[in-house]
Amino acid sequence: MAEGNLIANTPEPRTRQTLAADLQALGLEAGMIVLVHSSLSALGWVNGGSVAVIQALQDALSPSGTLVMPAHSGDLSDPVKWENPPVPEIWWTQVRETMPAYDPRTTPTRGIGIIPEQFRTWPDVLRSNHPALSFCAWGAQAEHVTRDHALDDSLGEGSPLARLYDLDGHVLLLGAGYDSNTSFHLAEYRLLHRKDVTLGAPIRFEGKREWVSYSDVDLDESRFAEIGEAFERAHPVRAGQVGSAASRLFRQRPAVDFARIWMTEHL
């Protein structure tokens, strides 16, 4: 949405202070471990933009809490599988050979919004070491959440999603829908029957750039919105407004467990 339209549709400025108050009213508390999926424009006009949003989240959680966001860089992948947009087949070899290696300090996020892109550069934020599906974290459990992110099964048992599950963390959909809820992917890895694929990405190993192949699940979020609606009918979800954004806060563990059962019965 253009900024002029955003201003026209915002009854009063959203600020660090008002957003923190809204987050606390929704149920965010000091010491919580929270994975956030977000849309800046959904919040209305925010004085300070993504910086103010991150500050508000940190204010609500305090340093005793842990703030986690996706930091995905899906363009660090095999061009054979690119669809939005595709590149000519004649380019594939050259693209693979020249793609910069993943660097947690400098590789930008792609397609997940300005808030997580700002967050990955934030002081004291740590980033996991997966070339395509990394996560960033700040706070008391940041190191635990982000360390040892496995290359294979990128959102599975060796991922930050599983660490959040172990810690009984929460998910905050901040103006985002259930189709953005990456935690449902963890359920895909826990199905008895799964479809595997071979993927590739450039990494740096012992000081040298390498193109590596890894095994993963053929992920599918096409029915996540449907799963989310069913989950809300069966489990408590805190729903409310943060700024102008319809938002939801819920425990991740029961959401993953519910999604696994739902997928088993419906897919």
C-alpha atoms as a PDB file:
ATOM      1  CA  MET A   1       0.000   0.000   0.000  1.00  0.00           C
ATOM      2  CA  ALA A   2       1.309   3.467  -0.888  1.00  0.00           C
ATOM      3  CA  GLU A   3       2.270   5.538   2.135  1.00  0.00           C
ATOM      4  CA  GLY A   4      -0.386   8.189   1.426  1.00  0.00           C
ATOM      5  CA  ASN A   5      -3.123   5.562   1.431  1.00  0.00           C
ATOM      6  CA  LEU A   6      -1.653   4.026   4.564  1.00  0.00           C
ATOM      7  CA  ILE A   7      -1.821   7.378   6.371  1.00  0.00           C
ATOM      8  CA  ALA A   8      -5.382   7.974   5.165  1.00  0.00           C
ATOM      9  CA  ASN A   9      -6.469   4.604   6.531  1.00  0.00           C
ATOM     10  CA  THR A  10      -4.741   4.949   9.932  1.00  0.00           C
ATOM     11  CA  PRO A  11      -6.834   6.799  12.555  1.00  0.00           C
ATOM     12  CA  GLU A  12      -3.766   7.780  14.608  1.00  0.00           C
ATOM     13  CA  PRO A  13      -0.014   7.159  14.329  1.00  0.00           C
ATOM     14  CA  ARG A  14       1.195   3.750  15.448  1.00  0.00           C
ATOM     15  CA  THR A  15       4.264   4.133  17.647  1.00  0.00           C
ATOM     16  CA  ARG A  16       6.700   1.999  19.580  1.00  0.00           C
ATOM     17  CA  GLN A  17       4.693   2.715  22.717  1.00  0.00           C
ATOM     18  CA  THR A  18       1.207   2.046  21.303  1.00  0.00           C
ATOM     19  CA  LEU A  19       2.353  -1.132  19.559  1.00  0.00           C
ATOM     20  CA  ALA A  20       3.993  -2.439  22.743  1.00  0.00           C
ATOM     21  CA  ALA A  21       0.763  -1.786  24.640  1.00  0.00           C
ATOM     22  CA  ASP A  22      -1.262  -3.600  21.977  1.00  0.00           C
ATOM     23  CA  LEU A  23       1.144  -6.552  22.059  1.00  0.00           C
ATOM     24  CA  GLN A  24       0.853  -6.803  25.829  1.00  0.00           C
ATOM     25  CA  ALA A  25      -2.946  -6.629  25.592  1.00  0.00           C
ATOM     26  CA  LEU A  26      -2.815  -9.512  23.106  1.00  0.00           C
ATOM     27  CA  GLY A  27      -0.879 -11.576  25.651  1.00  0.00           C
ATOM     28  CA  LEU A  28       2.799 -11.018  24.926  1.00  0.00           C
ATOM     29  CA  GLU A  29       4.714 -11.107  28.206  1.00  0.00           C
ATOM     30  CA  ALA A  30       8.259 -10.656  29.453  1.00  0.00           C
ATOM     31  CA  GLY A  31      10.232 -13.886  29.185  1.00  0.00           C
ATOM     32  CA  MET A  32       8.196 -15.438  26.363  1.00  0.00           C
ATOM     33  CA  ILE A  33       9.856 -17.170  23.417  1.00  0.00           C
ATOM     34  CA  VAL A  34       8.029 -15.999  20.295  1.00  0.00           C
ATOM     35  CA  LEU A  35       8.361 -16.659  16.569  1.00  0.00           C
ATOM     36  CA  VAL A  36       6.919 -13.670  14.685  1.00  0.00           C
ATOM     37  CA  HIS A  37       5.504 -13.598  11.169  1.00  0.00           C
ATOM     38  CA  SER A  38       4.647 -10.047  10.215  1.00  0.00           C
ATOM     39  CA  SER A  39       3.306  -7.502   7.747  1.00  0.00           C
ATOM     40  CA  LEU A  40       4.391  -3.902   8.288  1.00  0.00           C
ATOM     41  CA  SER A  41       1.675  -2.405   6.084  1.00  0.00           C
ATOM     42  CA  ALA A  42      -1.043  -4.291   7.970  1.00  0.00           C
ATOM     43  CA  LEU A  43      -0.132  -2.370  11.144  1.00  0.00           C
ATOM     44  CA  GLY A  44      -1.106   0.965   9.611  1.00  0.00           C
ATOM     45  CA  TRP A  45       1.233   3.947   9.432  1.00  0.00           C
ATOM     46  CA  VAL A  46       4.006   3.293  11.963  1.00  0.00           C
ATOM     47  CA  ASN A  47       6.187   6.158  13.159  1.00  0.00           C
ATOM     48  CA  GLY A  48       9.649   4.669  12.719  1.00  0.00           C
ATOM     49  CA  GLY A  49       8.544   1.799  10.495  1.00  0.00           C
ATOM     50  CA  SER A  50      10.138  -1.576  11.046  1.00  0.00           C
ATOM     51  CA  VAL A  51      12.543  -0.171  13.655  1.00  0.00           C
ATOM     52  CA  ALA A  52       9.656   0.846  15.919  1.00  0.00           C
ATOM     53  CA  VAL A  53       7.977  -2.550  15.460  1.00  0.00           C
ATOM     54  CA  ILE A  54      11.100  -4.436  16.533  1.00  0.00           C
ATOM     55  CA  GLN A  55      11.585  -2.111  19.501  1.00  0.00           C
ATOM     56  CA  ALA A  56       7.965  -2.657  20.561  1.00  0.00           C
ATOM     57  CA  LEU A  57       8.375  -6.428  20.387  1.00  0.00           C
ATOM     58  CA  GLN A  58      11.556  -6.244  22.447  1.00  0.00           C
ATOM     59  CA  ASP A  59       9.888  -3.933  24.976  1.00  0.00           C
ATOM     60  CA  ALA A  60       7.041  -6.408  25.448  1.00  0.00           C
ATOM     61  CA  LEU A  61       9.318  -9.450  25.752  1.00  0.00           C
ATOM     62  CA  SER A  62      12.187  -7.829  27.702  1.00  0.00           C
ATOM     63  CA  PRO A  63      15.756  -9.211  27.508  1.00  0.00           C
ATOM     64  CA  SER A  64      14.582 -12.265  29.448  1.00  0.00           C
ATOM     65  CA  GLY A  65      12.426 -13.233  26.467  1.00  0.00           C
ATOM     66  CA  THR A  66      13.427 -14.410  23.013  1.00  0.00           C
ATOM     67  CA  LEU A  67      12.314 -12.877  19.727  1.00  0.00           C
ATOM     68  CA  VAL A  68      12.617 -15.097  16.636  1.00  0.00           C
ATOM     69  CA  MET A  69      11.900 -14.321  13.000  1.00  0.00           C
ATOM     70  CA  PRO A  70      12.394 -16.151   9.713  1.00  0.00           C
ATOM     71  CA  ALA A  71      15.375 -14.952   7.693  1.00  0.00           C
ATOM     72  CA  HIS A  72      14.771 -17.044   4.580  1.00  0.00           C
ATOM     73  CA  SER A  73      16.850 -16.460   1.458  1.00  0.00           C
ATOM     74  CA  GLY A  74      15.089 -18.650  -1.072  1.00  0.00           C
ATOM     75  CA  ASP A  75      17.079 -17.222  -3.969  1.00  0.00           C
ATOM     76  CA  LEU A  76      20.102 -19.204  -2.695  1.00  0.00           C
ATOM     77  CA  SER A  77      18.786 -22.315  -4.369  1.00  0.00           C
ATOM     78  CA  ASP A  78      18.955 -24.342  -7.561  1.00  0.00           C
ATOM     79  CA  PRO A  79      17.671 -22.201 -10.470  1.00  0.00           C
ATOM     80  CA  VAL A  80      16.115 -25.345 -11.940  1.00  0.00           C
ATOM     81  CA  LYS A  81      13.337 -24.927  -9.373  1.00  0.00           C
ATOM     82  CA  TRP A  82      12.793 -21.180  -9.727  1.00  0.00           C
ATOM     83  CA  GLU A  83       9.271 -20.196 -10.718  1.00  0.00           C
ATOM     84  CA  ASN A  84       8.720 -16.610  -9.493  1.00  0.00           C
ATOM     85  CA  PRO A  85      10.251 -15.755 -11.869  1.00  0.00           C
ATOM     86  CA  PRO A  86      12.016 -18.563 -13.730  1.00  0.00           C
ATOM     87  CA  VAL A  87      15.264 -17.961 -15.594  1.00  0.00           C
ATOM     88  CA  PRO A  88      16.206 -19.452 -18.976  1.00  0.00           C
ATOM     89  CA  GLU A  89      17.559 -22.995 -18.834  1.00  0.00           C
ATOM     90  CA  ILE A  90      20.680 -21.852 -20.665  1.00  0.00           C
ATOM     91  CA  TRP A  91      21.529 -19.729 -17.582  1.00  0.00           C
ATOM     92  CA  TRP A  92      21.310 -22.526 -14.990  1.00  0.00           C
ATOM     93  CA  THR A  93      24.931 -23.661 -14.974  1.00  0.00           C
ATOM     94  CA  GLN A  94      26.326 -20.141 -14.819  1.00  0.00           C
ATOM     95  CA  VAL A  95      23.898 -19.142 -12.063  1.00  0.00           C
ATOM     96  CA  ARG A  96      24.942 -22.128  -9.928  1.00  0.00           C
ATOM     97  CA  GLU A  97      28.652 -21.489 -10.504  1.00  0.00           C
ATOM     98  CA  THR A  98      28.559 -17.768  -9.667  1.00  0.00           C
ATOM     99  CA  MET A  99      25.899 -17.475  -6.950  1.00  0.00           C
ATOM    100  CA  PRO A 100      27.488 -15.926  -3.816  1.00  0.00           C
ATOM    101  CA  ALA A 101      27.855 -18.316  -0.901  1.00  0.00           C
ATOM    102  CA  TYR A 102      25.537 -17.932   2.059  1.00  0.00           C
ATOM    103  CA  ASP A 103      26.890 -15.600   4.732  1.00  0.00           C
ATOM    104  CA  PRO A 104      24.715 -15.109   7.831  1.00  0.00           C
ATOM    105  CA  ARG A 105      26.064 -11.582   8.201  1.00  0.00           C
ATOM    106  CA  THR A 106      25.390 -10.294   4.690  1.00  0.00           C
ATOM    107  CA  THR A 107      22.940 -12.526   2.809  1.00  0.00           C
ATOM    108  CA  PRO A 108      19.639 -10.622   2.610  1.00  0.00           C
ATOM    109  CA  THR A 109      16.245 -12.145   3.225  1.00  0.00           C
ATOM    110  CA  ARG A 110      13.872 -12.536   0.299  1.00  0.00           C
ATOM    111  CA  GLY A 111      10.107 -12.325   0.088  1.00  0.00           C
ATOM    112  CA  ILE A 112       9.320 -12.254   3.817  1.00  0.00           C
ATOM    113  CA  GLY A 113       8.928  -8.523   4.449  1.00  0.00           C
ATOM    114  CA  ILE A 114      10.865  -5.554   5.724  1.00  0.00           C
ATOM    115  CA  ILE A 115      10.553  -6.323   9.467  1.00  0.00           C
ATOM    116  CA  PRO A 116      12.614  -9.553   9.389  1.00  0.00           C
ATOM    117  CA  GLU A 117      15.046  -7.967   6.930  1.00  0.00           C
ATOM    118  CA  GLN A 118      15.606  -5.133   9.422  1.00  0.00           C
ATOM    119  CA  PHE A 119      15.791  -7.587  12.308  1.00  0.00           C
ATOM    120  CA  ARG A 120      18.601  -9.680  10.794  1.00  0.00           C
ATOM    121  CA  THR A 121      20.901  -6.615  10.970  1.00  0.00           C
ATOM    122  CA  TRP A 122      19.903  -5.722  14.556  1.00  0.00           C
ATOM    123  CA  PRO A 123      22.518  -5.576  17.339  1.00  0.00           C
ATOM    124  CA  ASP A 124      22.902  -8.850  19.255  1.00  0.00           C
ATOM    125  CA  VAL A 125      20.742 -10.792  16.793  1.00  0.00           C
ATOM    126  CA  LEU A 126      22.033 -14.249  15.868  1.00  0.00           C
ATOM    127  CA  ARG A 127      21.254 -16.043  12.605  1.00  0.00           C
ATOM    128  CA  SER A 128      21.196 -19.762  11.940  1.00  0.00           C
ATOM    129  CA  ASN A 129      23.435 -21.283   9.333  1.00  0.00           C
ATOM    130  CA  HIS A 130      21.043 -22.640   6.710  1.00  0.00           C
ATOM    131  CA  PRO A 131      21.603 -21.113   3.254  1.00  0.00           C
ATOM    132  CA  ALA A 132      17.927 -20.970   2.245  1.00  0.00           C
ATOM    133  CA  LEU A 133      15.757 -21.271   5.382  1.00  0.00           C
ATOM    134  CA  SER A 134      17.610 -19.584   8.226  1.00  0.00           C
ATOM    135  CA  PHE A 135      16.081 -17.909  11.284  1.00  0.00           C
ATOM    136  CA  CYS A 136      17.235 -14.971  13.392  1.00  0.00           C
ATOM    137  CA  ALA A 137      16.829 -14.610  17.149  1.00  0.00           C
ATOM    138  CA  TRP A 138      17.455 -12.064  19.906  1.00  0.00           C
ATOM    139  CA  GLY A 139      17.284 -12.549  23.651  1.00  0.00           C
ATOM    140  CA  ALA A 140      17.874 -15.142  26.327  1.00  0.00           C
ATOM    141  CA  GLN A 141      17.495 -18.263  24.157  1.00  0.00           C
ATOM    142  CA  ALA A 142      18.825 -16.839  20.867  1.00  0.00           C
ATOM    143  CA  GLU A 143      21.949 -18.990  20.773  1.00  0.00           C
ATOM    144  CA  HIS A 144      20.060 -22.174  21.610  1.00  0.00           C
ATOM    145  CA  VAL A 145      17.416 -21.509  18.961  1.00  0.00           C
ATOM    146  CA  THR A 146      19.812 -20.687  16.128  1.00  0.00           C
ATOM    147  CA  ARG A 147      22.786 -23.015  16.646  1.00  0.00           C
ATOM    148  CA  ASP A 148      23.394 -26.237  14.689  1.00  0.00           C
ATOM    149  CA  HIS A 149      20.731 -25.673  12.038  1.00  0.00           C
ATOM    150  CA  ALA A 150      20.956 -28.862   9.948  1.00  0.00           C
ATOM    151  CA  LEU A 151      21.370 -28.613   6.181  1.00  0.00           C
ATOM    152  CA  ASP A 152      19.156 -31.629   5.442  1.00  0.00           C
ATOM    153  CA  ASP A 153      15.492 -31.411   6.444  1.00  0.00           C
ATOM    154  CA  SER A 154      15.806 -27.668   6.784  1.00  0.00           C
ATOM    155  CA  LEU A 155      12.617 -27.069   8.803  1.00  0.00           C
ATOM    156  CA  GLY A 156      12.678 -30.423  10.597  1.00  0.00           C
ATOM    157  CA  GLU A 157      14.162 -31.831  13.782  1.00  0.00           C
ATOM    158  CA  GLY A 158      17.504 -30.058  13.373  1.00  0.00           C
ATOM    159  CA  SER A 159      15.932 -26.645  12.816  1.00  0.00           C
ATOM    160  CA  PRO A 160      15.050 -23.624  14.969  1.00  0.00           C
ATOM    161  CA  LEU A 161      11.388 -24.657  14.618  1.00  0.00           C
ATOM    162  CA  ALA A 162      12.117 -27.853  16.538  1.00  0.00           C
ATOM    163  CA  ARG A 163      14.061 -25.902  19.171  1.00  0.00           C
ATOM    164  CA  LEU A 164      11.018 -23.660  19.647  1.00  0.00           C
ATOM    165  CA  TYR A 165       8.854 -26.761  19.976  1.00  0.00           C
ATOM    166  CA  ASP A 166      11.177 -28.154  22.656  1.00  0.00           C
ATOM    167  CA  LEU A 167      11.043 -24.832  24.515  1.00  0.00           C
ATOM    168  CA  ASP A 168       7.227 -24.657  24.245  1.00  0.00           C
ATOM    169  CA  GLY A 169       7.436 -21.291  22.501  1.00  0.00           C
ATOM    170  CA  HIS A 170       4.685 -19.184  20.955  1.00  0.00           C
ATOM    171  CA  VAL A 171       3.851 -17.978  17.467  1.00  0.00           C
ATOM    172  CA  LEU A 172       2.701 -14.421  16.788  1.00  0.00           C
ATOM    173  CA  LEU A 173       0.966 -13.742  13.487  1.00  0.00           C
ATOM    174  CA  LEU A 174       1.348  -9.959  13.348  1.00  0.00           C
ATOM    175  CA  GLY A 175      -0.923  -8.962  10.498  1.00  0.00           C
ATOM    176  CA  ALA A 176       0.000 -12.222   8.764  1.00  0.00           C
ATOM    177  CA  GLY A 177      -2.195 -15.244   8.086  1.00  0.00           C
ATOM    178  CA  TYR A 178      -1.784 -18.911   8.859  1.00  0.00           C
ATOM    179  CA  ASP A 179      -0.410 -19.381   5.349  1.00  0.00           C
ATOM    180  CA  SER A 180       2.751 -17.687   6.697  1.00  0.00           C
ATOM    181  CA  ASN A 181       2.988 -19.972   9.722  1.00  0.00           C
ATOM    182  CA  THR A 182       6.208 -21.898   9.049  1.00  0.00           C
ATOM    183  CA  SER A 183       5.694 -23.990  12.193  1.00  0.00           C
ATOM    184  CA  PHE A 184       3.120 -26.059  10.313  1.00  0.00           C
ATOM    185  CA  HIS A 185       6.017 -27.223   8.130  1.00  0.00           C
ATOM    186  CA  LEU A 186       7.523 -28.988  11.142  1.00  0.00           C
ATOM    187  CA  ALA A 187       4.437 -31.207  11.121  1.00  0.00           C
ATOM    188  CA  GLU A 188       5.222 -32.229   7.527  1.00  0.00           C
ATOM    189  CA  TYR A 189       8.520 -33.739   8.672  1.00  0.00           C
ATOM    190  CA  ARG A 190       6.707 -35.752  11.334  1.00  0.00           C
ATOM    191  CA  LEU A 191       4.334 -37.506   8.947  1.00  0.00           C
ATOM    192  CA  LEU A 192       4.826 -41.227   8.392  1.00  0.00           C
ATOM    193  CA  HIS A 193       4.758 -40.684   4.640  1.00  0.00           C
ATOM    194  CA  ARG A 194       6.631 -37.737   3.161  1.00  0.00           C
ATOM    195  CA  LYS A 195       7.814 -36.761  -0.290  1.00  0.00           C
ATOM    196  CA  ASP A 196      11.550 -36.004  -0.391  1.00  0.00           C
ATOM    197  CA  VAL A 197      13.406 -33.809  -2.856  1.00  0.00           C
ATOM    198  CA  THR A 198      17.062 -32.980  -3.498  1.00  0.00           C
ATOM    199  CA  LEU A 199      17.919 -29.289  -3.298  1.00  0.00           C
ATOM    200  CA  GLY A 200      21.112 -27.283  -3.668  1.00  0.00           C
ATOM    201  CA  ALA A 201      22.735 -24.077  -2.432  1.00  0.00           C
ATOM    202  CA  PRO A 202      26.148 -22.379  -2.208  1.00  0.00           C
ATOM    203  CA  ILE A 203      27.869 -22.397   1.188  1.00  0.00           C
ATOM    204  CA  ARG A 204      31.322 -21.554   2.492  1.00  0.00           C
ATOM    205  CA  PHE A 205      33.234 -24.546   3.839  1.00  0.00           C
ATOM    206  CA  GLU A 206      36.772 -24.280   5.223  1.00  0.00           C
ATOM    207  CA  GLY A 207      37.123 -20.882   3.601  1.00  0.00           C
ATOM    208  CA  LYS A 208      36.022 -21.981   0.131  1.00  0.00           C
ATOM    209  CA  ARG A 209      32.746 -21.611  -1.711  1.00  0.00           C
ATOM    210  CA  GLU A 210      31.017 -24.907  -2.463  1.00  0.00           C
ATOM    211  CA  TRP A 211      27.768 -25.863  -4.153  1.00  0.00           C
ATOM    212  CA  VAL A 212      26.170 -28.526  -1.954  1.00  0.00           C
ATOM    213  CA  SER A 213      23.179 -30.786  -2.439  1.00  0.00           C
ATOM    214  CA  TYR A 214      20.920 -31.689   0.442  1.00  0.00           C
ATOM    215  CA  SER A 215      17.808 -33.741   1.089  1.00  0.00           C
ATOM    216  CA  ASP A 216      14.576 -32.104   2.142  1.00  0.00           C
ATOM    217  CA  VAL A 217      10.820 -32.507   2.238  1.00  0.00           C
ATOM    218  CA  ASP A 218       8.798 -31.225  -0.703  1.00  0.00           C
ATOM    219  CA  LEU A 219       7.144 -28.523   1.401  1.00  0.00           C
ATOM    220  CA  ASP A 220       3.563 -27.467   0.729  1.00  0.00           C
ATOM    221  CA  GLU A 221       1.791 -24.617   2.521  1.00  0.00           C
ATOM    222  CA  SER A 222      -1.233 -24.557   0.189  1.00  0.00           C
ATOM    223  CA  ARG A 223      -3.625 -25.716   2.945  1.00  0.00           C
ATOM    224  CA  PHE A 224      -2.079 -23.919   5.921  1.00  0.00           C
ATOM    225  CA  ALA A 225      -4.921 -21.384   6.070  1.00  0.00           C
ATOM    226  CA  GLU A 226      -7.415 -24.257   6.283  1.00  0.00           C
ATOM    227  CA  ILE A 227      -5.360 -25.955   9.000  1.00  0.00           C
ATOM    228  CA  GLY A 228      -5.202 -22.694  10.938  1.00  0.00           C
ATOM    229  CA  GLU A 229      -8.967 -22.243  10.833  1.00  0.00           C
ATOM    230  CA  ALA A 230      -9.471 -25.791  12.103  1.00  0.00           C
ATOM    231  CA  PHE A 231      -6.840 -25.271  14.818  1.00  0.00           C
ATOM    232  CA  GLU A 232      -8.669 -22.179  16.088  1.00  0.00           C
ATOM    233  CA  ARG A 233     -11.879 -24.150  16.459  1.00  0.00           C
ATOM    234  CA  ALA A 234     -10.129 -26.724  18.642  1.00  0.00           C
ATOM    235  CA  HIS A 235      -7.529 -24.753  20.627  1.00  0.00           C
ATOM    236  CA  PRO A 236      -7.262 -21.415  22.435  1.00  0.00           C
ATOM    237  CA  VAL A 237      -5.831 -18.633  20.281  1.00  0.00           C
ATOM    238  CA  ARG A 238      -5.447 -15.037  21.473  1.00  0.00           C
ATOM    239  CA  ALA A 239      -6.827 -12.772  18.734  1.00  0.00           C
ATOM    240  CA  GLY A 240      -6.825  -8.983  18.651  1.00  0.00           C
ATOM    241  CA  GLN A 241      -5.622  -5.825  16.981  1.00  0.00           C
ATOM    242  CA  VAL A 242      -2.014  -4.654  17.048  1.00  0.00           C
ATOM    243  CA  GLY A 243      -2.137  -1.250  15.460  1.00  0.00           C
ATOM    244  CA  SER A 244      -4.464  -1.843  12.506  1.00  0.00           C
ATOM    245  CA  ALA A 245      -3.392  -5.470  12.109  1.00  0.00           C
ATOM    246  CA  ALA A 246      -5.534  -8.455  12.958  1.00  0.00           C
ATOM    247  CA  SER A 247      -3.111 -10.571  14.969  1.00  0.00           C
ATOM    248  CA  ARG A 248      -2.992 -13.963  16.683  1.00  0.00           C
ATOM    249  CA  LEU A 249      -0.865 -15.410  19.469  1.00  0.00           C
ATOM    250  CA  PHE A 250      -0.778 -19.131  20.268  1.00  0.00           C
ATOM    251  CA  ARG A 251       1.489 -21.863  21.593  1.00  0.00           C
ATOM    252  CA  GLN A 252       3.534 -23.487  18.854  1.00  0.00           C
ATOM    253  CA  ARG A 253       3.623 -27.041  20.232  1.00  0.00           C
ATOM    254  CA  PRO A 254      -0.123 -27.777  20.122  1.00  0.00           C
ATOM    255  CA  ALA A 255      -0.313 -26.093  16.704  1.00  0.00           C
ATOM    256  CA  VAL A 256       2.349 -28.430  15.303  1.00  0.00           C
ATOM    257  CA  ASP A 257       0.758 -31.483  16.930  1.00  0.00           C
ATOM    258  CA  PHE A 258      -2.661 -30.522  15.584  1.00  0.00           C
ATOM    259  CA  ALA A 259      -1.285 -29.935  12.067  1.00  0.00           C
ATOM    260  CA  ARG A 260       0.403 -33.349  12.031  1.00  0.00           C
ATOM    261  CA  ILE A 261      -2.858 -35.111  12.885  1.00  0.00           C
ATOM    262  CA  TRP A 262      -4.813 -32.966  10.419  1.00  0.00           C
ATOM    263  CA  MET A 263      -2.359 -33.692   7.597  1.00  0.00           C
ATOM    264  CA  THR A 264      -2.445 -37.408   8.394  1.00  0.00           C
ATOM    265  CA  GLU A 265      -6.230 -37.404   8.069  1.00  0.00           C
ATOM    266  CA  HIS A 266      -6.627 -35.044   5.097  1.00  0.00           C
ATOM    267  CA  LEU A 267      -3.564 -35.337   2.845  1.00  0.00           C
END
